[in-house]
Amino acid sequence: MGSVRDYQSIVGDQLVEEIYDLARQLGGCRIQHINSTLVGGGVAEILKRLVPMMQEAGLEVRWDVIKGDEEFFRVTKTFHNAFHGVPVQITPAMLDTYRRISRENYDLVDPRADFVILHDQQPLGLAEVRPGHPGRWLWYCHIDPVDVDREVWDFLSPWARRCDAAIYHIPAYARNLGHRQYFMPPAIDPLAEKNREVSAQEIDAVMERLGIPNDLPLVVQISRFDRLKDPLGVVQAFRLVRQEVPCRLVLAGGGASDDPEGIQVLQEVQQEAAHDPDIFILELPPTSDLEINVLQRVAAVVVQKSIREGFGLTVTEAMWKSRPVVASPVGGITVQLIPGETGLAAATTGEMARALVRILRDPALGEKLGQNAREHVRKNFILPIYLKRWLEILTAEKSYPV
């Protein structure tokens, strides 16, 4: 991990100096991030880059992961689905499991931390110990809670209320918890392996290793194998597109240790695509940043057919690489994709197929959308800007009495 100054050519000198000034105001503060997995999913991806950057700016920061058994992660995945409006069945045993694992992780909380940040619903039960802790606590809700199941929310929200403040990606996600709230979308690291510039030789080597020919345009979706990402819907849209424009589809992604449904969804997608030589299903390990980078760069169009989406960093990644994007107008995607300017929105399978055909038939449109998309990301959704927003929030919180 490099220095904040490594980004000067992207964001300019002034922003870099503002970051260091804010970090000096927080000198001596101990910051603890807690989430549910080291790899897989957007939160781990963000923390992997954010924590070293905070440390390089001069802050004392640690990142810890709650430990849970398979049953706990089945429960929290059910909660995750419930946040997104999926009908779920909640049993007393599930709530007992959540309480039990939360209690077993109480010792994870740093008793000397000035700031404790709980990411999403998995570690939220740790807020039980908030009343006896001297620091400030923040709950960062990375997922869309607008249609959260009432029973799940009634169970979890008392812990959220014990925190001093909540952070949401966009104002539409705000919940009335009776405490301070902030709005901060996540970001990508433009210098990370997943987003850096790559050579033609690297592209050729990766595509050969993956076994994907480049004689036809590629439609690409990069996502965890999750029903909320609707990979089966992507296959259906692709088959409509292929009737009009010769092309191939790549569905690539992996799983996360806190998502036990991923294997089942992957199997469903593999079965649907079986015996179709134009569809490539790639289960990628967590170390596949270069492969994802290349797949996004060679795509004629990048797709994100999410049913619900907290933010959609794979959209951000593709936009940074100047690729035209067709995505569902849901959640945080709506602040990234400005229809007709930084991409095309598609709410149904039919709309997605028509949007894909439009771009594949009009390369000039794809180029214009891609250029606009990169600039939109540069101004709003890259790591130095995200770091500055974090420091502004922590500075504001520091001014309030505990």
Protein backbone atom coordinates (compact mmCIF):
# COMPACT_ATOMS: atom_id res chain seq x y z
CA MET A 1 0.00 0.00 0.00
CA GLY A 2 1.38 3.35 -1.01
CA SER A 3 0.90 6.92 0.12
CA VAL A 4 -2.01 9.31 -0.16
CA ARG A 5 0.34 11.38 -2.30
CA ASP A 6 0.37 8.61 -4.90
CA TYR A 7 -3.10 9.83 -5.93
CA GLN A 8 -2.13 13.47 -6.56
CA SER A 9 -2.18 13.03 -10.32
CA ILE A 10 -5.78 11.81 -10.08
CA VAL A 11 -7.31 14.10 -7.43
CA GLY A 12 -4.94 17.06 -7.28
CA ASP A 13 -2.68 18.54 -4.61
CA GLN A 14 -5.38 20.35 -2.64
CA LEU A 15 -7.38 17.24 -1.74
CA VAL A 16 -4.25 15.43 -0.60
CA GLU A 17 -3.29 18.28 1.71
CA GLU A 18 -6.83 18.46 3.10
CA ILE A 19 -6.63 14.75 3.97
CA TYR A 20 -3.40 15.19 5.91
CA ASP A 21 -4.78 18.26 7.69
CA LEU A 22 -7.87 16.36 8.81
CA ALA A 23 -5.77 13.39 9.92
CA ARG A 24 -3.64 15.70 12.10
CA GLN A 25 -6.81 16.94 13.81
CA LEU A 26 -7.54 13.31 14.73
CA GLY A 27 -4.01 12.64 15.96
CA GLY A 28 -3.91 10.18 18.85
CA CYS A 29 -7.35 8.70 18.13
CA ARG A 30 -7.73 4.90 18.03
CA ILE A 31 -10.16 3.63 15.36
CA GLN A 32 -11.54 0.10 15.19
CA HIS A 33 -13.44 -1.31 12.20
CA ILE A 34 -15.41 -4.53 12.77
CA ASN A 35 -17.10 -6.59 10.04
CA SER A 36 -17.84 -10.24 9.31
CA THR A 37 -15.27 -11.38 6.72
CA LEU A 38 -11.74 -10.64 5.56
CA VAL A 39 -12.43 -11.54 1.92
CA GLY A 40 -15.44 -11.54 -0.37
CA GLY A 41 -18.02 -8.81 -0.70
CA GLY A 42 -17.83 -5.04 -0.92
CA VAL A 43 -17.17 -4.26 2.76
CA ALA A 44 -14.04 -6.41 2.94
CA GLU A 45 -12.92 -4.96 -0.39
CA ILE A 46 -13.28 -1.42 0.96
CA LEU A 47 -11.59 -2.09 4.30
CA LYS A 48 -8.67 -3.85 2.65
CA ARG A 49 -7.75 -0.54 1.00
CA LEU A 50 -9.15 2.00 3.47
CA VAL A 51 -7.46 0.75 6.66
CA PRO A 52 -3.86 0.95 5.34
CA MET A 53 -4.64 4.35 3.82
CA MET A 54 -5.92 5.64 7.17
CA GLN A 55 -2.78 4.30 8.82
CA GLU A 56 -0.51 5.93 6.24
CA ALA A 57 -2.28 9.26 6.86
CA GLY A 58 -1.13 9.00 10.49
CA LEU A 59 -4.09 7.40 12.29
CA GLU A 60 -4.03 4.41 14.65
CA VAL A 61 -6.45 1.98 13.00
CA ARG A 62 -7.25 -1.71 13.41
CA TRP A 63 -9.63 -4.02 11.53
CA ASP A 64 -11.22 -6.99 13.29
CA VAL A 65 -13.58 -9.71 12.09
CA ILE A 66 -16.25 -11.35 14.23
CA LYS A 67 -16.04 -15.11 14.54
CA GLY A 68 -19.16 -17.18 14.01
CA ASP A 69 -20.27 -20.69 13.16
CA GLU A 70 -22.11 -21.79 10.01
CA GLU A 71 -25.48 -21.34 11.67
CA PHE A 72 -24.68 -17.73 12.61
CA PHE A 73 -23.83 -16.85 9.02
CA ARG A 74 -27.00 -18.55 7.79
CA VAL A 75 -28.90 -16.30 10.19
CA THR A 76 -27.08 -13.12 9.12
CA LYS A 77 -27.56 -14.02 5.44
CA THR A 78 -31.27 -14.33 6.18
CA PHE A 79 -31.12 -10.90 7.83
CA HIS A 80 -29.28 -9.59 4.74
CA ASN A 81 -32.06 -10.87 2.48
CA ALA A 82 -34.67 -9.43 4.84
CA PHE A 83 -33.05 -5.99 4.58
CA HIS A 84 -33.54 -6.20 0.83
CA GLY A 85 -37.24 -6.99 1.12
CA VAL A 86 -37.00 -10.74 0.51
CA PRO A 87 -39.72 -12.63 2.44
CA VAL A 88 -38.04 -14.60 5.24
CA GLN A 89 -39.03 -16.77 8.17
CA ILE A 90 -37.46 -15.82 11.47
CA THR A 91 -37.49 -18.30 14.36
CA PRO A 92 -36.63 -17.81 18.04
CA ALA A 93 -33.69 -20.17 17.55
CA MET A 94 -32.24 -17.85 14.90
CA LEU A 95 -32.43 -14.87 17.22
CA ASP A 96 -30.85 -16.91 20.00
CA THR A 97 -27.98 -17.84 17.66
CA TYR A 98 -27.37 -14.19 16.83
CA ARG A 99 -27.35 -13.20 20.52
CA ARG A 100 -25.05 -16.11 21.43
CA ILE A 101 -22.40 -15.35 18.80
CA SER A 102 -22.56 -11.63 19.59
CA ARG A 103 -21.86 -12.38 23.27
CA GLU A 104 -18.99 -14.67 22.32
CA ASN A 105 -17.42 -11.78 20.40
CA TYR A 106 -17.73 -9.06 23.06
CA ASP A 107 -14.00 -9.33 23.82
CA LEU A 108 -13.28 -8.31 20.23
CA VAL A 109 -14.15 -4.69 21.03
CA ASP A 110 -11.06 -2.60 21.81
CA PRO A 111 -11.74 -1.07 25.26
CA ARG A 112 -9.45 1.87 24.43
CA ALA A 113 -10.87 2.68 20.98
CA ASP A 114 -12.01 6.24 20.46
CA PHE A 115 -14.17 5.11 17.55
CA VAL A 116 -15.79 1.69 17.07
CA ILE A 117 -17.34 1.21 13.62
CA LEU A 118 -19.72 -1.72 13.07
CA HIS A 119 -20.14 -2.59 9.40
CA ASP A 120 -23.61 -3.94 8.47
CA GLN A 121 -25.85 -6.15 10.55
CA GLN A 122 -23.49 -9.04 11.37
CA PRO A 123 -21.53 -7.33 14.20
CA LEU A 124 -24.37 -5.05 15.30
CA GLY A 125 -25.05 -7.17 18.38
CA LEU A 126 -21.70 -6.01 19.78
CA ALA A 127 -23.42 -2.70 20.55
CA GLU A 128 -24.77 -4.42 23.66
CA VAL A 129 -21.54 -3.34 25.36
CA ARG A 130 -21.74 0.24 24.08
CA PRO A 131 -23.09 1.78 27.35
CA GLY A 132 -19.92 0.86 29.26
CA HIS A 133 -17.49 1.84 26.50
CA PRO A 134 -15.81 5.28 26.50
CA GLY A 135 -15.54 5.70 22.71
CA ARG A 136 -17.95 6.81 20.02
CA TRP A 137 -19.79 4.08 18.12
CA LEU A 138 -20.96 4.25 14.52
CA TRP A 139 -23.09 1.78 12.60
CA TYR A 140 -22.28 1.77 8.88
CA CYS A 141 -25.20 0.28 6.95
CA HIS A 142 -23.82 -0.73 3.55
CA ILE A 143 -27.05 -2.37 2.37
CA ASP A 144 -30.42 -1.00 1.34
CA PRO A 145 -32.72 -1.02 4.43
CA VAL A 146 -35.73 0.67 2.85
CA ASP A 147 -37.91 -2.45 2.69
CA VAL A 148 -36.40 -4.30 5.64
CA ASP A 149 -38.61 -6.97 7.18
CA ARG A 150 -40.34 -5.50 10.23
CA GLU A 151 -39.57 -8.42 12.54
CA VAL A 152 -35.85 -8.34 11.67
CA TRP A 153 -35.70 -4.56 12.06
CA ASP A 154 -37.49 -4.66 15.41
CA PHE A 155 -34.88 -7.18 16.58
CA LEU A 156 -31.77 -5.36 15.29
CA SER A 157 -32.69 -1.68 15.60
CA PRO A 158 -32.31 -1.45 19.40
CA TRP A 159 -28.60 -2.25 18.95
CA ALA A 160 -28.32 0.30 16.14
CA ARG A 161 -29.87 2.91 18.46
CA ARG A 162 -27.15 2.25 21.05
CA CYS A 163 -24.62 3.66 18.58
CA ASP A 164 -23.91 7.38 18.55
CA ALA A 165 -24.54 7.72 14.82
CA ALA A 166 -25.31 5.81 11.65
CA ILE A 167 -23.78 6.06 8.18
CA TYR A 168 -25.75 5.24 5.03
CA HIS A 169 -24.66 5.25 1.42
CA ILE A 170 -27.44 7.57 0.24
CA PRO A 171 -30.14 9.68 1.95
CA ALA A 172 -32.91 7.36 0.74
CA TYR A 173 -31.55 4.66 3.09
CA ALA A 174 -31.87 6.71 6.28
CA ARG A 175 -33.73 5.16 9.21
CA ASN A 176 -35.19 7.17 12.07
CA LEU A 177 -33.02 5.90 14.92
CA GLY A 178 -33.00 9.10 16.95
CA HIS A 179 -29.28 9.77 16.64
CA ARG A 180 -26.90 11.50 14.25
CA GLN A 181 -26.72 10.27 10.68
CA TYR A 182 -24.27 10.70 7.82
CA PHE A 183 -24.39 9.84 4.12
CA MET A 184 -21.27 8.48 2.47
CA PRO A 185 -21.13 6.26 -0.63
CA PRO A 186 -18.23 3.79 -0.81
CA ALA A 187 -15.38 3.96 -3.30
CA ILE A 188 -12.83 2.01 -5.28
CA ASP A 189 -9.05 2.30 -5.21
CA PRO A 190 -7.93 3.32 -8.71
CA LEU A 191 -4.38 2.11 -8.02
CA ALA A 192 -5.36 -1.33 -6.72
CA GLU A 193 -4.64 -4.47 -8.72
CA LYS A 194 -8.32 -4.67 -9.66
CA ASN A 195 -8.40 -1.16 -11.14
CA ARG A 196 -4.87 -0.24 -12.30
CA GLU A 197 -3.98 0.11 -15.95
CA VAL A 198 -2.98 -3.20 -17.57
CA SER A 199 -0.85 -3.97 -20.60
CA ALA A 200 -1.96 -5.69 -23.78
CA GLN A 201 0.31 -8.60 -22.87
CA GLU A 202 -1.38 -8.98 -19.49
CA ILE A 203 -4.80 -8.93 -21.15
CA ASP A 204 -3.82 -11.60 -23.67
CA ALA A 205 -2.32 -13.83 -20.97
CA VAL A 206 -5.37 -13.61 -18.70
CA MET A 207 -7.87 -14.25 -21.50
CA GLU A 208 -5.86 -17.24 -22.69
CA ARG A 209 -5.67 -18.60 -19.15
CA LEU A 210 -9.42 -18.21 -18.70
CA GLY A 211 -10.09 -19.83 -22.06
CA ILE A 212 -12.31 -17.04 -23.40
CA PRO A 213 -12.00 -16.24 -27.12
CA ASN A 214 -12.07 -12.61 -28.22
CA ASP A 215 -13.58 -13.01 -31.70
CA LEU A 216 -17.02 -11.75 -30.55
CA PRO A 217 -18.10 -8.87 -28.29
CA LEU A 218 -18.29 -9.82 -24.62
CA VAL A 219 -21.16 -8.98 -22.29
CA VAL A 220 -19.78 -9.26 -18.74
CA GLN A 221 -21.28 -9.29 -15.26
CA ILE A 222 -18.90 -9.47 -12.29
CA SER A 223 -20.72 -10.29 -9.05
CA ARG A 224 -21.00 -12.71 -6.20
CA PHE A 225 -23.28 -15.59 -7.15
CA ASP A 226 -26.28 -14.24 -5.30
CA ARG A 227 -29.96 -14.25 -6.29
CA LEU A 228 -30.12 -10.52 -5.61
CA LYS A 229 -27.62 -10.09 -8.47
CA ASP A 230 -30.03 -12.03 -10.76
CA PRO A 231 -27.47 -14.02 -12.76
CA LEU A 232 -30.25 -16.16 -14.26
CA GLY A 233 -31.90 -12.97 -15.49
CA VAL A 234 -28.61 -11.96 -17.13
CA VAL A 235 -28.57 -15.27 -19.02
CA GLN A 236 -32.13 -14.65 -20.22
CA ALA A 237 -31.28 -11.13 -21.38
CA PHE A 238 -28.16 -12.36 -23.15
CA ARG A 239 -30.11 -14.95 -25.09
CA LEU A 240 -32.43 -12.22 -26.36
CA VAL A 241 -29.44 -10.09 -27.38
CA ARG A 242 -27.74 -12.97 -29.18
CA GLN A 243 -30.73 -13.29 -31.49
CA GLU A 244 -29.86 -9.85 -32.91
CA VAL A 245 -26.11 -9.36 -32.33
CA PRO A 246 -23.48 -12.13 -32.21
CA CYS A 247 -21.80 -11.97 -28.79
CA ARG A 248 -20.74 -13.99 -25.78
CA LEU A 249 -21.58 -13.77 -22.07
CA VAL A 250 -19.20 -13.97 -19.11
CA LEU A 251 -20.60 -14.34 -15.59
CA ALA A 252 -17.70 -14.18 -13.17
CA GLY A 253 -17.51 -13.94 -9.42
CA GLY A 254 -16.87 -15.75 -6.22
CA GLY A 255 -18.33 -16.21 -2.80
CA ALA A 256 -17.84 -14.85 0.67
CA SER A 257 -17.34 -16.69 3.94
CA ASP A 258 -20.44 -15.02 5.37
CA ASP A 259 -22.67 -16.05 2.43
CA PRO A 260 -23.59 -19.76 2.59
CA GLU A 261 -26.08 -19.48 -0.31
CA GLY A 262 -23.46 -18.74 -2.92
CA ILE A 263 -22.65 -22.35 -3.85
CA GLN A 264 -26.30 -23.16 -4.50
CA VAL A 265 -26.78 -20.11 -6.72
CA LEU A 266 -23.61 -20.95 -8.67
CA GLN A 267 -24.90 -24.46 -9.31
CA GLU A 268 -28.23 -23.09 -10.57
CA VAL A 269 -26.43 -20.78 -13.00
CA GLN A 270 -24.14 -23.56 -14.22
CA GLN A 271 -27.14 -25.77 -14.87
CA GLU A 272 -28.94 -23.02 -16.79
CA ALA A 273 -25.88 -22.33 -18.96
CA ALA A 274 -24.90 -25.98 -19.50
CA HIS A 275 -24.09 -26.89 -23.11
CA ASP A 276 -24.20 -23.26 -24.27
CA PRO A 277 -20.76 -22.56 -25.80
CA ASP A 278 -21.35 -18.80 -25.78
CA ILE A 279 -21.76 -18.56 -21.98
CA PHE A 280 -18.76 -18.69 -19.66
CA ILE A 281 -19.37 -19.16 -15.92
CA LEU A 282 -16.24 -18.41 -13.90
CA GLU A 283 -15.95 -19.13 -10.20
CA LEU A 284 -13.01 -16.95 -9.21
CA PRO A 285 -11.00 -17.14 -5.98
CA PRO A 286 -10.61 -14.00 -3.81
CA THR A 287 -7.15 -13.41 -5.29
CA SER A 288 -8.50 -12.81 -8.82
CA ASP A 289 -8.19 -9.02 -8.90
CA LEU A 290 -6.17 -8.96 -12.13
CA GLU A 291 -8.61 -11.35 -13.82
CA ILE A 292 -11.57 -9.14 -12.86
CA ASN A 293 -9.70 -6.06 -14.03
CA VAL A 294 -9.05 -7.63 -17.42
CA LEU A 295 -12.59 -8.98 -17.87
CA GLN A 296 -14.06 -5.55 -17.21
CA ARG A 297 -11.62 -3.88 -19.60
CA VAL A 298 -12.25 -6.26 -22.51
CA ALA A 299 -16.04 -6.15 -22.10
CA ALA A 300 -18.00 -4.53 -24.89
CA VAL A 301 -20.65 -3.88 -22.23
CA VAL A 302 -20.66 -4.47 -18.47
CA VAL A 303 -23.98 -5.52 -16.93
CA GLN A 304 -25.27 -5.29 -13.38
CA LYS A 305 -28.76 -6.78 -13.23
CA SER A 306 -29.27 -6.44 -9.49
CA ILE A 307 -32.70 -6.79 -7.99
CA ARG A 308 -31.52 -4.81 -4.96
CA GLU A 309 -28.15 -3.21 -4.45
CA GLY A 310 -26.54 -1.40 -1.54
CA PHE A 311 -24.20 0.46 -3.87
CA GLY A 312 -22.67 -1.77 -6.54
CA LEU A 313 -18.89 -1.33 -6.56
CA THR A 314 -18.59 -3.56 -9.62
CA VAL A 315 -20.47 -0.83 -11.48
CA THR A 316 -17.98 1.74 -10.14
CA GLU A 317 -15.05 -0.44 -11.25
CA ALA A 318 -16.39 -0.79 -14.78
CA MET A 319 -17.14 2.93 -15.05
CA TRP A 320 -13.60 3.77 -13.91
CA LYS A 321 -12.33 1.63 -16.80
CA SER A 322 -14.42 3.71 -19.24
CA ARG A 323 -16.70 0.82 -20.07
CA PRO A 324 -20.35 1.35 -21.03
CA VAL A 325 -22.61 -0.05 -18.32
CA VAL A 326 -26.19 -1.30 -18.44
CA ALA A 327 -27.59 -1.69 -14.93
CA SER A 328 -30.76 -1.93 -12.92
CA PRO A 329 -31.82 1.46 -11.51
CA VAL A 330 -31.81 0.30 -7.90
CA GLY A 331 -30.14 1.44 -4.68
CA GLY A 332 -26.73 3.02 -4.95
CA ILE A 333 -26.53 2.32 -8.68
CA THR A 334 -28.86 5.28 -9.17
CA VAL A 335 -26.24 7.79 -7.97
CA GLN A 336 -23.61 6.29 -10.26
CA LEU A 337 -25.50 5.62 -13.46
CA ILE A 338 -27.08 8.75 -14.94
CA PRO A 339 -29.24 7.35 -17.77
CA GLY A 340 -27.97 8.40 -21.17
CA GLU A 341 -24.90 10.10 -19.70
CA THR A 342 -22.82 7.61 -17.68
CA GLY A 343 -24.65 4.43 -18.72
CA LEU A 344 -28.05 2.99 -19.58
CA ALA A 345 -30.66 1.93 -17.04
CA ALA A 346 -32.76 -1.20 -17.53
CA ALA A 347 -35.46 -2.24 -15.09
CA THR A 348 -36.58 -5.46 -16.81
CA THR A 349 -34.99 -8.30 -18.74
CA GLY A 350 -36.46 -6.96 -21.97
CA GLU A 351 -35.18 -3.44 -21.31
CA MET A 352 -31.74 -4.80 -20.54
CA ALA A 353 -31.64 -6.78 -23.77
CA ARG A 354 -32.66 -3.71 -25.80
CA ALA A 355 -30.07 -1.51 -24.05
CA LEU A 356 -27.34 -4.07 -24.69
CA VAL A 357 -28.26 -4.31 -28.37
CA ARG A 358 -28.24 -0.51 -28.64
CA ILE A 359 -24.68 -0.25 -27.31
CA LEU A 360 -23.36 -3.23 -29.25
CA ARG A 361 -24.70 -1.71 -32.47
CA ASP A 362 -23.39 1.80 -31.69
CA PRO A 363 -19.76 1.75 -30.51
CA ALA A 364 -19.64 5.56 -30.51
CA LEU A 365 -22.42 5.62 -27.92
CA GLY A 366 -20.52 3.10 -25.80
CA GLU A 367 -17.36 5.20 -25.98
CA LYS A 368 -19.19 8.38 -24.95
CA LEU A 369 -20.92 6.69 -22.02
CA GLY A 370 -17.63 5.16 -20.90
CA GLN A 371 -15.72 8.45 -20.94
CA ASN A 372 -18.46 10.23 -18.99
CA ALA A 373 -18.60 7.34 -16.53
CA ARG A 374 -14.89 7.48 -15.72
CA GLU A 375 -15.01 11.20 -14.97
CA HIS A 376 -18.09 10.75 -12.75
CA VAL A 377 -16.23 8.12 -10.72
CA ARG A 378 -13.06 10.25 -10.52
CA LYS A 379 -15.00 13.11 -8.98
CA ASN A 380 -17.10 11.09 -6.56
CA PHE A 381 -16.21 7.46 -5.88
CA ILE A 382 -12.48 6.90 -5.50
CA LEU A 383 -10.49 6.12 -2.37
CA PRO A 384 -8.94 9.53 -1.56
CA ILE A 385 -12.36 11.21 -1.68
CA TYR A 386 -13.80 8.42 0.47
CA LEU A 387 -10.95 8.79 2.98
CA LYS A 388 -11.54 12.52 3.23
CA ARG A 389 -15.25 11.95 3.90
CA TRP A 390 -14.36 9.45 6.62
CA LEU A 391 -12.04 11.94 8.30
CA GLU A 392 -14.71 14.63 8.13
CA ILE A 393 -17.22 12.34 9.85
CA LEU A 394 -14.78 11.32 12.56
CA THR A 395 -13.78 14.93 13.14
CA ALA A 396 -17.43 15.91 13.48
CA GLU A 397 -18.10 13.03 15.88
CA LYS A 398 -15.06 13.96 17.97
CA SER A 399 -16.64 17.35 18.66
CA TYR A 400 -19.70 15.81 20.33
CA PRO A 401 -19.63 14.85 24.03
CA VAL A 402 -19.61 11.11 24.68
